[in-house]
Amino acid sequence: MGDPARANMLAALIGGEALTAGELASHAGITPQTASGHLAKLLDGRLLAAERHGRHRYFRLASPSVAQALEGLMALSQMPLTASPKRRGPRDEAMRRARTCYDHMAGHIAVEVTAMLEQRGLLHRSEGVGVLSDEGYRFFCDFGIDLATTDRPKRPVCRMCLDWSERRPHMAGRLGSALLARTIELKWVLRTPNSRTLTITPAGDRGFSDMLGRPLTPSSSPKHRPTADREK
């Protein structure tokens, strides 16, 4: 992961989509020939998986755990070292608000939903894992998510993923994946083509506000400083 080209390739895949070697080479700013060697190392390191469709070979992250590690490393690598930190994470306001992190939602709204669940006692953290209370299971069943019937039952119900821009956790695992799928189904959020950004619809504004018990607000991360104190 430490090589810049390989790091850029991994970052390009963190949204969950699969890309060709040529597309990844473009993201990394290297030639396709050079990309082949880097991709071989990432495959050998079990960070990537590959599959062939027709003439093209597509690469994706090997597992949600790889995406979780990448998101955490992005956050940790930009941790402020001073009392007055500069703004960190993605500069795009829309991406800071809501984006995909592999197969689950990240950004301000995802962090706020996770915090609300903890405050209401529906979810608590234990060694990096999110544990739902009985009331928490009922909450999600009422929302249209039955975790007993979601795919990949061996996958943890909920893992806590350190958010890159908010520096607080959001939900990953089966619960995070199911929550993203359900909000897309309800048309609360829309995927943005060729981007990790999620667009919050008017229905989503109302729905998330009802879920949180208050109107949606812009990101309240402490990294949001006046313009003079932001990264150029």
Foldseek 3Di string as FASTA:
>chain_A
DPDQLLLQLQVLQQLADWDFLCVSCVSSVHDSVVSVVSVVVCVVVQQWDWDDDPPTIIIHGNDLVSLLVSQQCLQVVQDDPDPQHAAGDDPDQLVQCWFGRNQFIAHQLQQLLVVLCVVVVQWDDDPQWIDGDPVVQVVVVVLVDNLVPFPPVVKGCWGWGQGRRQRGTGTDIRPRNRVVVSCVVVVQWDDDPSGRGIHGDPVVQVVSCVSSVHGDDGRPHSNDDPPVRHDD
